[in-house]
Amino acid sequence: AGAALAPEVRVGHVADEILASVADHELLALGARGSHPVREFALGTMAQRLLRRTARPVLVVKRKPAGAYRRVLVAVDFSPYAARAFAFTPVIAPQAAEICLMHVFEPPFEGKMYYAGVAEELLDQVRSRARLEAEAEMERFIADSGLDRRSLVPIIDYGYAPSRLHEKARELDADLVVVGKHGRSLGEELL
Protein backbone atom coordinates (compact mmCIF):
# COMPACT_ATOMS: atom_id res chain seq x y z
CA ALA A 1 0.00 0.00 0.00
CA GLY A 2 3.04 2.24 -0.11
CA ALA A 3 3.35 2.68 3.67
CA ALA A 4 6.84 2.91 5.09
CA LEU A 5 7.77 0.27 7.66
CA ALA A 6 9.91 0.99 10.70
CA PRO A 7 10.72 -2.29 12.50
CA GLU A 8 11.08 -2.01 16.25
CA VAL A 9 11.98 -4.52 18.96
CA ARG A 10 10.72 -4.00 22.50
CA VAL A 11 11.20 -5.95 25.71
CA GLY A 12 8.40 -6.37 28.24
CA HIS A 13 4.83 -7.60 28.53
CA VAL A 14 3.59 -8.01 24.96
CA ALA A 15 0.22 -6.26 25.29
CA ASP A 16 1.69 -3.38 27.30
CA GLU A 17 4.48 -2.82 24.76
CA ILE A 18 2.10 -2.94 21.80
CA LEU A 19 -0.22 -0.43 23.47
CA ALA A 20 2.71 1.85 24.33
CA SER A 21 3.96 1.79 20.75
CA VAL A 22 0.54 2.37 19.16
CA ALA A 23 0.11 5.68 21.02
CA ASP A 24 1.85 7.47 18.13
CA HIS A 25 -0.17 5.75 15.40
CA GLU A 26 -3.69 5.91 14.02
CA LEU A 27 -4.26 2.19 13.44
CA LEU A 28 -3.16 -1.04 15.09
CA ALA A 29 -3.01 -4.04 12.71
CA LEU A 30 -2.42 -7.56 13.96
CA GLY A 31 -3.10 -11.19 13.20
CA ALA A 32 -6.26 -12.92 14.43
CA ARG A 33 -4.55 -15.85 16.16
CA GLY A 34 -1.35 -16.49 18.04
CA SER A 35 0.45 -19.69 18.92
CA HIS A 36 -1.03 -20.36 22.38
CA PRO A 37 -4.50 -21.96 21.95
CA VAL A 38 -4.92 -22.78 25.67
CA ARG A 39 -4.04 -19.22 26.76
CA GLU A 40 -6.31 -17.81 24.03
CA PHE A 41 -9.18 -19.98 25.25
CA ALA A 42 -8.73 -18.80 28.86
CA LEU A 43 -7.81 -15.14 28.30
CA GLY A 44 -8.89 -14.48 24.72
CA THR A 45 -6.67 -13.81 21.74
CA MET A 46 -4.13 -11.01 21.83
CA ALA A 47 -6.47 -9.09 19.51
CA GLN A 48 -9.35 -9.47 21.98
CA ARG A 49 -7.17 -8.41 24.90
CA LEU A 50 -5.89 -5.36 23.02
CA LEU A 51 -9.41 -4.41 21.92
CA ARG A 52 -10.42 -4.29 25.58
CA ARG A 53 -7.58 -1.92 26.41
CA THR A 54 -7.37 0.55 23.53
CA ALA A 55 -9.57 3.18 21.98
CA ARG A 56 -7.46 3.10 18.79
CA PRO A 57 -8.87 1.49 15.64
CA VAL A 58 -7.70 -2.11 15.36
CA LEU A 59 -7.46 -4.07 12.10
CA VAL A 60 -7.51 -7.82 12.81
CA VAL A 61 -6.22 -9.76 9.81
CA LYS A 62 -7.10 -13.43 9.36
CA ARG A 63 -5.25 -14.09 6.10
CA LYS A 64 -3.32 -12.39 3.33
CA PRO A 65 -5.67 -10.34 1.14
CA ALA A 66 -6.24 -11.59 -2.41
CA GLY A 67 -6.41 -7.98 -3.61
CA ALA A 68 -7.91 -4.62 -2.75
CA TYR A 69 -11.09 -4.75 -0.68
CA ARG A 70 -14.06 -4.97 -3.06
CA ARG A 71 -16.91 -5.24 -0.58
CA VAL A 72 -16.93 -3.90 2.97
CA LEU A 73 -19.62 -4.77 5.51
CA VAL A 74 -20.02 -2.20 8.28
CA ALA A 75 -22.06 -3.12 11.37
CA VAL A 76 -24.17 -0.13 12.38
CA ASP A 77 -26.06 0.24 15.66
CA PHE A 78 -26.29 4.04 15.29
CA SER A 79 -24.05 4.57 18.34
CA PRO A 80 -21.04 6.90 18.44
CA TYR A 81 -18.86 3.75 18.31
CA ALA A 82 -20.44 2.69 15.02
CA ALA A 83 -20.08 6.21 13.63
CA ARG A 84 -16.35 6.24 14.47
CA ALA A 85 -15.84 2.80 12.93
CA PHE A 86 -17.74 3.84 9.81
CA ALA A 87 -15.73 7.07 9.52
CA PHE A 88 -12.53 5.03 9.48
CA THR A 89 -13.77 2.71 6.69
CA PRO A 90 -12.67 4.93 3.75
CA VAL A 91 -9.13 4.98 5.17
CA ILE A 92 -8.86 1.21 4.81
CA ALA A 93 -11.15 0.51 1.84
CA PRO A 94 -10.40 1.83 -1.64
CA GLN A 95 -12.75 4.38 -3.15
CA ALA A 96 -14.14 1.79 -5.59
CA ALA A 97 -15.20 -0.61 -2.82
CA GLU A 98 -18.88 -1.27 -2.24
CA ILE A 99 -19.73 -0.30 1.35
CA CYS A 100 -22.68 -2.15 2.89
CA LEU A 101 -24.07 -0.68 6.09
CA MET A 102 -25.91 -3.33 8.08
CA HIS A 103 -28.18 -2.78 11.05
CA VAL A 104 -29.72 -5.78 12.78
CA PHE A 105 -32.73 -5.08 14.98
CA GLU A 106 -34.68 -6.98 17.58
CA PRO A 107 -37.69 -5.25 19.12
CA PRO A 108 -37.25 -4.56 22.84
CA PHE A 109 -38.77 -7.23 25.07
CA GLU A 110 -39.79 -9.37 22.08
CA GLY A 111 -38.74 -12.56 23.86
CA LYS A 112 -40.74 -11.67 26.95
CA MET A 113 -43.78 -10.84 24.84
CA TYR A 114 -43.47 -14.16 23.01
CA TYR A 115 -43.24 -16.15 26.26
CA ALA A 116 -46.14 -14.16 27.71
CA GLY A 117 -48.31 -15.43 24.87
CA VAL A 118 -48.70 -12.22 22.89
CA ALA A 119 -50.44 -12.94 19.57
CA GLU A 120 -48.20 -13.42 16.54
CA GLU A 121 -50.06 -10.63 14.69
CA LEU A 122 -49.15 -8.15 17.42
CA LEU A 123 -45.51 -9.35 17.39
CA ASP A 124 -45.48 -8.80 13.62
CA GLN A 125 -46.73 -5.24 14.15
CA VAL A 126 -44.01 -4.61 16.73
CA ARG A 127 -41.37 -5.97 14.33
CA SER A 128 -42.73 -3.84 11.47
CA ARG A 129 -42.62 -0.72 13.64
CA ALA A 130 -39.05 -1.56 14.76
CA ARG A 131 -38.02 -2.03 11.10
CA LEU A 132 -39.47 1.37 10.13
CA GLU A 133 -37.63 3.03 13.03
CA ALA A 134 -34.39 1.30 12.00
CA GLU A 135 -34.82 2.44 8.39
CA ALA A 136 -35.34 6.04 9.52
CA GLU A 137 -32.26 5.83 11.78
CA MET A 138 -30.23 4.43 8.88
CA GLU A 139 -31.25 7.35 6.68
CA ARG A 140 -30.16 9.82 9.40
CA PHE A 141 -26.90 7.90 9.93
CA ILE A 142 -26.09 8.03 6.20
CA ALA A 143 -27.04 11.71 5.95
CA ASP A 144 -24.83 12.54 8.96
CA SER A 145 -21.88 10.70 7.38
CA GLY A 146 -21.65 13.21 4.55
CA LEU A 147 -20.80 10.41 2.09
CA ASP A 148 -22.49 10.01 -1.27
CA ARG A 149 -25.50 7.79 -0.64
CA ARG A 150 -25.01 6.13 -4.04
CA SER A 151 -21.77 4.55 -2.82
CA LEU A 152 -23.52 2.94 0.17
CA VAL A 153 -25.78 -0.10 0.39
CA PRO A 154 -28.05 0.04 3.47
CA ILE A 155 -29.15 -3.32 4.88
CA ILE A 156 -31.77 -3.64 7.62
CA ASP A 157 -32.19 -7.14 9.01
CA TYR A 158 -34.06 -8.78 11.84
CA GLY A 159 -32.49 -11.24 14.29
CA TYR A 160 -29.56 -11.78 16.62
CA ALA A 161 -26.90 -9.31 15.48
CA PRO A 162 -23.70 -11.40 15.86
CA SER A 163 -25.19 -14.33 13.95
CA ARG A 164 -26.82 -12.24 11.24
CA LEU A 165 -23.64 -10.18 10.72
CA HIS A 166 -21.59 -13.35 10.29
CA GLU A 167 -24.15 -14.83 7.88
CA LYS A 168 -24.37 -11.62 5.85
CA ALA A 169 -20.58 -11.35 5.61
CA ARG A 170 -20.51 -14.83 4.06
CA GLU A 171 -23.51 -14.14 1.83
CA LEU A 172 -21.98 -10.93 0.47
CA ASP A 173 -18.50 -12.45 0.28
CA ALA A 174 -17.28 -9.40 2.20
CA ASP A 175 -13.54 -8.79 2.13
CA LEU A 176 -13.62 -6.66 5.27
CA VAL A 177 -16.01 -6.41 8.23
CA VAL A 178 -15.94 -3.20 10.25
CA VAL A 179 -17.43 -3.24 13.76
CA GLY A 180 -17.42 -0.49 16.38
CA LYS A 181 -16.58 -1.62 19.89
CA HIS A 182 -18.87 -0.75 22.76
CA GLY A 183 -17.30 0.88 25.83
CA ARG A 184 -17.98 -2.06 28.09
CA SER A 185 -16.02 -3.32 31.06
CA LEU A 186 -14.24 -6.67 31.11
CA GLY A 187 -16.93 -8.03 33.42
CA GLU A 188 -19.70 -7.09 30.98
CA GLU A 189 -17.78 -8.64 28.08
CA LEU A 190 -17.26 -11.89 29.98
CA LEU A 191 -20.96 -12.08 30.83
C-alpha atoms as a PDB file:
ATOM      1  CA  ALA A   1       0.000   0.000   0.000  1.00  0.00           C
ATOM      2  CA  GLY A   2       3.042   2.241  -0.105  1.00  0.00           C
ATOM      3  CA  ALA A   3       3.350   2.680   3.670  1.00  0.00           C
ATOM      4  CA  ALA A   4       6.841   2.913   5.093  1.00  0.00           C
ATOM      5  CA  LEU A   5       7.771   0.273   7.660  1.00  0.00           C
ATOM      6  CA  ALA A   6       9.915   0.993  10.700  1.00  0.00           C
ATOM      7  CA  PRO A   7      10.720  -2.286  12.501  1.00  0.00           C
ATOM      8  CA  GLU A   8      11.075  -2.008  16.252  1.00  0.00           C
ATOM      9  CA  VAL A   9      11.977  -4.516  18.959  1.00  0.00           C
ATOM     10  CA  ARG A  10      10.721  -3.995  22.499  1.00  0.00           C
ATOM     11  CA  VAL A  11      11.196  -5.947  25.708  1.00  0.00           C
ATOM     12  CA  GLY A  12       8.403  -6.370  28.242  1.00  0.00           C
ATOM     13  CA  HIS A  13       4.833  -7.600  28.532  1.00  0.00           C
ATOM     14  CA  VAL A  14       3.593  -8.006  24.955  1.00  0.00           C
ATOM     15  CA  ALA A  15       0.225  -6.263  25.288  1.00  0.00           C
ATOM     16  CA  ASP A  16       1.690  -3.379  27.298  1.00  0.00           C
ATOM     17  CA  GLU A  17       4.477  -2.821  24.764  1.00  0.00           C
ATOM     18  CA  ILE A  18       2.095  -2.944  21.801  1.00  0.00           C
ATOM     19  CA  LEU A  19      -0.217  -0.430  23.474  1.00  0.00           C
ATOM     20  CA  ALA A  20       2.707   1.848  24.325  1.00  0.00           C
ATOM     21  CA  SER A  21       3.958   1.793  20.746  1.00  0.00           C
ATOM     22  CA  VAL A  22       0.540   2.375  19.162  1.00  0.00           C
ATOM     23  CA  ALA A  23       0.114   5.677  21.025  1.00  0.00           C
ATOM     24  CA  ASP A  24       1.855   7.475  18.126  1.00  0.00           C
ATOM     25  CA  HIS A  25      -0.166   5.745  15.401  1.00  0.00           C
ATOM     26  CA  GLU A  26      -3.692   5.915  14.016  1.00  0.00           C
ATOM     27  CA  LEU A  27      -4.264   2.190  13.439  1.00  0.00           C
ATOM     28  CA  LEU A  28      -3.162  -1.042  15.087  1.00  0.00           C
ATOM     29  CA  ALA A  29      -3.009  -4.036  12.709  1.00  0.00           C
ATOM     30  CA  LEU A  30      -2.419  -7.564  13.961  1.00  0.00           C
ATOM     31  CA  GLY A  31      -3.101 -11.193  13.203  1.00  0.00           C
ATOM     32  CA  ALA A  32      -6.257 -12.924  14.425  1.00  0.00           C
ATOM     33  CA  ARG A  33      -4.545 -15.848  16.156  1.00  0.00           C
ATOM     34  CA  GLY A  34      -1.347 -16.492  18.038  1.00  0.00           C
ATOM     35  CA  SER A  35       0.454 -19.689  18.922  1.00  0.00           C
ATOM     36  CA  HIS A  36      -1.033 -20.361  22.380  1.00  0.00           C
ATOM     37  CA  PRO A  37      -4.503 -21.965  21.955  1.00  0.00           C
ATOM     38  CA  VAL A  38      -4.918 -22.777  25.670  1.00  0.00           C
ATOM     39  CA  ARG A  39      -4.043 -19.221  26.759  1.00  0.00           C
ATOM     40  CA  GLU A  40      -6.315 -17.811  24.034  1.00  0.00           C
ATOM     41  CA  PHE A  41      -9.183 -19.982  25.255  1.00  0.00           C
ATOM     42  CA  ALA A  42      -8.727 -18.801  28.855  1.00  0.00           C
ATOM     43  CA  LEU A  43      -7.807 -15.141  28.295  1.00  0.00           C
ATOM     44  CA  GLY A  44      -8.888 -14.477  24.721  1.00  0.00           C
ATOM     45  CA  THR A  45      -6.674 -13.810  21.744  1.00  0.00           C
ATOM     46  CA  MET A  46      -4.134 -11.005  21.831  1.00  0.00           C
ATOM     47  CA  ALA A  47      -6.472  -9.095  19.507  1.00  0.00           C
ATOM     48  CA  GLN A  48      -9.348  -9.472  21.982  1.00  0.00           C
ATOM     49  CA  ARG A  49      -7.171  -8.407  24.901  1.00  0.00           C
ATOM     50  CA  LEU A  50      -5.887  -5.360  23.015  1.00  0.00           C
ATOM     51  CA  LEU A  51      -9.406  -4.409  21.924  1.00  0.00           C
ATOM     52  CA  ARG A  52     -10.418  -4.287  25.582  1.00  0.00           C
ATOM     53  CA  ARG A  53      -7.581  -1.917  26.410  1.00  0.00           C
ATOM     54  CA  THR A  54      -7.365   0.547  23.533  1.00  0.00           C
ATOM     55  CA  ALA A  55      -9.570   3.176  21.977  1.00  0.00           C
ATOM     56  CA  ARG A  56      -7.462   3.102  18.791  1.00  0.00           C
ATOM     57  CA  PRO A  57      -8.870   1.493  15.642  1.00  0.00           C
ATOM     58  CA  VAL A  58      -7.702  -2.113  15.361  1.00  0.00           C
ATOM     59  CA  LEU A  59      -7.457  -4.072  12.100  1.00  0.00           C
ATOM     60  CA  VAL A  60      -7.512  -7.820  12.808  1.00  0.00           C
ATOM     61  CA  VAL A  61      -6.221  -9.755   9.808  1.00  0.00           C
ATOM     62  CA  LYS A  62      -7.103 -13.430   9.359  1.00  0.00           C
ATOM     63  CA  ARG A  63      -5.247 -14.091   6.098  1.00  0.00           C
ATOM     64  CA  LYS A  64      -3.320 -12.391   3.325  1.00  0.00           C
ATOM     65  CA  PRO A  65      -5.674 -10.343   1.138  1.00  0.00           C
ATOM     66  CA  ALA A  66      -6.236 -11.592  -2.408  1.00  0.00           C
ATOM     67  CA  GLY A  67      -6.409  -7.982  -3.615  1.00  0.00           C
ATOM     68  CA  ALA A  68      -7.910  -4.623  -2.746  1.00  0.00           C
ATOM     69  CA  TYR A  69     -11.093  -4.752  -0.682  1.00  0.00           C
ATOM     70  CA  ARG A  70     -14.060  -4.966  -3.057  1.00  0.00           C
ATOM     71  CA  ARG A  71     -16.911  -5.244  -0.576  1.00  0.00           C
ATOM     72  CA  VAL A  72     -16.930  -3.903   2.970  1.00  0.00           C
ATOM     73  CA  LEU A  73     -19.624  -4.769   5.509  1.00  0.00           C
ATOM     74  CA  VAL A  74     -20.017  -2.196   8.283  1.00  0.00           C
ATOM     75  CA  ALA A  75     -22.063  -3.116  11.373  1.00  0.00           C
ATOM     76  CA  VAL A  76     -24.174  -0.131  12.378  1.00  0.00           C
ATOM     77  CA  ASP A  77     -26.056   0.236  15.659  1.00  0.00           C
ATOM     78  CA  PHE A  78     -26.294   4.038  15.292  1.00  0.00           C
ATOM     79  CA  SER A  79     -24.053   4.570  18.338  1.00  0.00           C
ATOM     80  CA  PRO A  80     -21.037   6.902  18.441  1.00  0.00           C
ATOM     81  CA  TYR A  81     -18.863   3.752  18.313  1.00  0.00           C
ATOM     82  CA  ALA A  82     -20.440   2.693  15.020  1.00  0.00           C
ATOM     83  CA  ALA A  83     -20.082   6.213  13.631  1.00  0.00           C
ATOM     84  CA  ARG A  84     -16.348   6.235  14.465  1.00  0.00           C
ATOM     85  CA  ALA A  85     -15.836   2.802  12.928  1.00  0.00           C
ATOM     86  CA  PHE A  86     -17.736   3.837   9.809  1.00  0.00           C
ATOM     87  CA  ALA A  87     -15.735   7.070   9.523  1.00  0.00           C
ATOM     88  CA  PHE A  88     -12.526   5.027   9.480  1.00  0.00           C
ATOM     89  CA  THR A  89     -13.774   2.714   6.691  1.00  0.00           C
ATOM     90  CA  PRO A  90     -12.671   4.927   3.751  1.00  0.00           C
ATOM     91  CA  VAL A  91      -9.134   4.984   5.171  1.00  0.00           C
ATOM     92  CA  ILE A  92      -8.855   1.207   4.807  1.00  0.00           C
ATOM     93  CA  ALA A  93     -11.146   0.512   1.843  1.00  0.00           C
ATOM     94  CA  PRO A  94     -10.399   1.833  -1.639  1.00  0.00           C
ATOM     95  CA  GLN A  95     -12.750   4.381  -3.148  1.00  0.00           C
ATOM     96  CA  ALA A  96     -14.139   1.793  -5.592  1.00  0.00           C
ATOM     97  CA  ALA A  97     -15.202  -0.612  -2.818  1.00  0.00           C
ATOM     98  CA  GLU A  98     -18.879  -1.275  -2.236  1.00  0.00           C
ATOM     99  CA  ILE A  99     -19.734  -0.298   1.346  1.00  0.00           C
ATOM    100  CA  CYS A 100     -22.677  -2.151   2.890  1.00  0.00           C
ATOM    101  CA  LEU A 101     -24.069  -0.675   6.091  1.00  0.00           C
ATOM    102  CA  MET A 102     -25.906  -3.328   8.085  1.00  0.00           C
ATOM    103  CA  HIS A 103     -28.181  -2.777  11.047  1.00  0.00           C
ATOM    104  CA  VAL A 104     -29.723  -5.778  12.778  1.00  0.00           C
ATOM    105  CA  PHE A 105     -32.727  -5.077  14.982  1.00  0.00           C
ATOM    106  CA  GLU A 106     -34.679  -6.979  17.584  1.00  0.00           C
ATOM    107  CA  PRO A 107     -37.691  -5.252  19.119  1.00  0.00           C
ATOM    108  CA  PRO A 108     -37.254  -4.559  22.843  1.00  0.00           C
ATOM    109  CA  PHE A 109     -38.769  -7.233  25.072  1.00  0.00           C
ATOM    110  CA  GLU A 110     -39.788  -9.366  22.076  1.00  0.00           C
ATOM    111  CA  GLY A 111     -38.735 -12.560  23.857  1.00  0.00           C
ATOM    112  CA  LYS A 112     -40.744 -11.673  26.947  1.00  0.00           C
ATOM    113  CA  MET A 113     -43.783 -10.835  24.837  1.00  0.00           C
ATOM    114  CA  TYR A 114     -43.468 -14.160  23.011  1.00  0.00           C
ATOM    115  CA  TYR A 115     -43.237 -16.152  26.258  1.00  0.00           C
ATOM    116  CA  ALA A 116     -46.144 -14.163  27.711  1.00  0.00           C
ATOM    117  CA  GLY A 117     -48.314 -15.427  24.874  1.00  0.00           C
ATOM    118  CA  VAL A 118     -48.702 -12.218  22.888  1.00  0.00           C
ATOM    119  CA  ALA A 119     -50.445 -12.945  19.570  1.00  0.00           C
ATOM    120  CA  GLU A 120     -48.198 -13.416  16.540  1.00  0.00           C
ATOM    121  CA  GLU A 121     -50.062 -10.634  14.686  1.00  0.00           C
ATOM    122  CA  LEU A 122     -49.146  -8.153  17.424  1.00  0.00           C
ATOM    123  CA  LEU A 123     -45.515  -9.346  17.393  1.00  0.00           C
ATOM    124  CA  ASP A 124     -45.482  -8.803  13.616  1.00  0.00           C
ATOM    125  CA  GLN A 125     -46.734  -5.245  14.149  1.00  0.00           C
ATOM    126  CA  VAL A 126     -44.012  -4.615  16.732  1.00  0.00           C
ATOM    127  CA  ARG A 127     -41.371  -5.972  14.330  1.00  0.00           C
ATOM    128  CA  SER A 128     -42.731  -3.840  11.473  1.00  0.00           C
ATOM    129  CA  ARG A 129     -42.619  -0.717  13.642  1.00  0.00           C
ATOM    130  CA  ALA A 130     -39.052  -1.561  14.759  1.00  0.00           C
ATOM    131  CA  ARG A 131     -38.017  -2.030  11.104  1.00  0.00           C
ATOM    132  CA  LEU A 132     -39.472   1.371  10.135  1.00  0.00           C
ATOM    133  CA  GLU A 133     -37.635   3.025  13.031  1.00  0.00           C
ATOM    134  CA  ALA A 134     -34.387   1.298  11.997  1.00  0.00           C
ATOM    135  CA  GLU A 135     -34.825   2.442   8.388  1.00  0.00           C
ATOM    136  CA  ALA A 136     -35.339   6.045   9.524  1.00  0.00           C
ATOM    137  CA  GLU A 137     -32.261   5.834  11.784  1.00  0.00           C
ATOM    138  CA  MET A 138     -30.228   4.425   8.882  1.00  0.00           C
ATOM    139  CA  GLU A 139     -31.251   7.353   6.677  1.00  0.00           C
ATOM    140  CA  ARG A 140     -30.158   9.818   9.397  1.00  0.00           C
ATOM    141  CA  PHE A 141     -26.904   7.902   9.929  1.00  0.00           C
ATOM    142  CA  ILE A 142     -26.091   8.032   6.204  1.00  0.00           C
ATOM    143  CA  ALA A 143     -27.039  11.712   5.949  1.00  0.00           C
ATOM    144  CA  ASP A 144     -24.833  12.544   8.959  1.00  0.00           C
ATOM    145  CA  SER A 145     -21.881  10.700   7.382  1.00  0.00           C
ATOM    146  CA  GLY A 146     -21.651  13.205   4.553  1.00  0.00           C
ATOM    147  CA  LEU A 147     -20.797  10.413   2.090  1.00  0.00           C
ATOM    148  CA  ASP A 148     -22.487  10.012  -1.269  1.00  0.00           C
ATOM    149  CA  ARG A 149     -25.497   7.785  -0.645  1.00  0.00           C
ATOM    150  CA  ARG A 150     -25.014   6.134  -4.042  1.00  0.00           C
ATOM    151  CA  SER A 151     -21.768   4.548  -2.816  1.00  0.00           C
ATOM    152  CA  LEU A 152     -23.520   2.938   0.172  1.00  0.00           C
ATOM    153  CA  VAL A 153     -25.783  -0.103   0.391  1.00  0.00           C
ATOM    154  CA  PRO A 154     -28.046   0.039   3.473  1.00  0.00           C
ATOM    155  CA  ILE A 155     -29.151  -3.320   4.879  1.00  0.00           C
ATOM    156  CA  ILE A 156     -31.772  -3.640   7.620  1.00  0.00           C
ATOM    157  CA  ASP A 157     -32.191  -7.136   9.011  1.00  0.00           C
ATOM    158  CA  TYR A 158     -34.060  -8.783  11.838  1.00  0.00           C
ATOM    159  CA  GLY A 159     -32.493 -11.239  14.292  1.00  0.00           C
ATOM    160  CA  TYR A 160     -29.564 -11.781  16.618  1.00  0.00           C
ATOM    161  CA  ALA A 161     -26.899  -9.306  15.482  1.00  0.00           C
ATOM    162  CA  PRO A 162     -23.701 -11.398  15.860  1.00  0.00           C
ATOM    163  CA  SER A 163     -25.188 -14.333  13.952  1.00  0.00           C
ATOM    164  CA  ARG A 164     -26.816 -12.235  11.237  1.00  0.00           C
ATOM    165  CA  LEU A 165     -23.640 -10.178  10.718  1.00  0.00           C
ATOM    166  CA  HIS A 166     -21.587 -13.352  10.293  1.00  0.00           C
ATOM    167  CA  GLU A 167     -24.149 -14.829   7.879  1.00  0.00           C
ATOM    168  CA  LYS A 168     -24.371 -11.619   5.847  1.00  0.00           C
ATOM    169  CA  ALA A 169     -20.581 -11.348   5.605  1.00  0.00           C
ATOM    170  CA  ARG A 170     -20.514 -14.828   4.064  1.00  0.00           C
ATOM    171  CA  GLU A 171     -23.511 -14.144   1.832  1.00  0.00           C
ATOM    172  CA  LEU A 172     -21.983 -10.931   0.472  1.00  0.00           C
ATOM    173  CA  ASP A 173     -18.498 -12.450   0.283  1.00  0.00           C
ATOM    174  CA  ALA A 174     -17.282  -9.397   2.198  1.00  0.00           C
ATOM    175  CA  ASP A 175     -13.535  -8.794   2.135  1.00  0.00           C
ATOM    176  CA  LEU A 176     -13.623  -6.657   5.267  1.00  0.00           C
ATOM    177  CA  VAL A 177     -16.009  -6.414   8.226  1.00  0.00           C
ATOM    178  CA  VAL A 178     -15.944  -3.196  10.251  1.00  0.00           C
ATOM    179  CA  VAL A 179     -17.431  -3.237  13.763  1.00  0.00           C
ATOM    180  CA  GLY A 180     -17.422  -0.489  16.378  1.00  0.00           C
ATOM    181  CA  LYS A 181     -16.575  -1.619  19.893  1.00  0.00           C
ATOM    182  CA  HIS A 182     -18.871  -0.747  22.764  1.00  0.00           C
ATOM    183  CA  GLY A 183     -17.298   0.880  25.831  1.00  0.00           C
ATOM    184  CA  ARG A 184     -17.979  -2.063  28.093  1.00  0.00           C
ATOM    185  CA  SER A 185     -16.016  -3.323  31.060  1.00  0.00           C
ATOM    186  CA  LEU A 186     -14.237  -6.675  31.111  1.00  0.00           C
ATOM    187  CA  GLY A 187     -16.933  -8.030  33.423  1.00  0.00           C
ATOM    188  CA  GLU A 188     -19.699  -7.087  30.978  1.00  0.00           C
ATOM    189  CA  GLU A 189     -17.775  -8.637  28.079  1.00  0.00           C
ATOM    190  CA  LEU A 190     -17.258 -11.888  29.978  1.00  0.00           C
ATOM    191  CA  LEU A 191     -20.955 -12.077  30.832  1.00  0.00           C
END
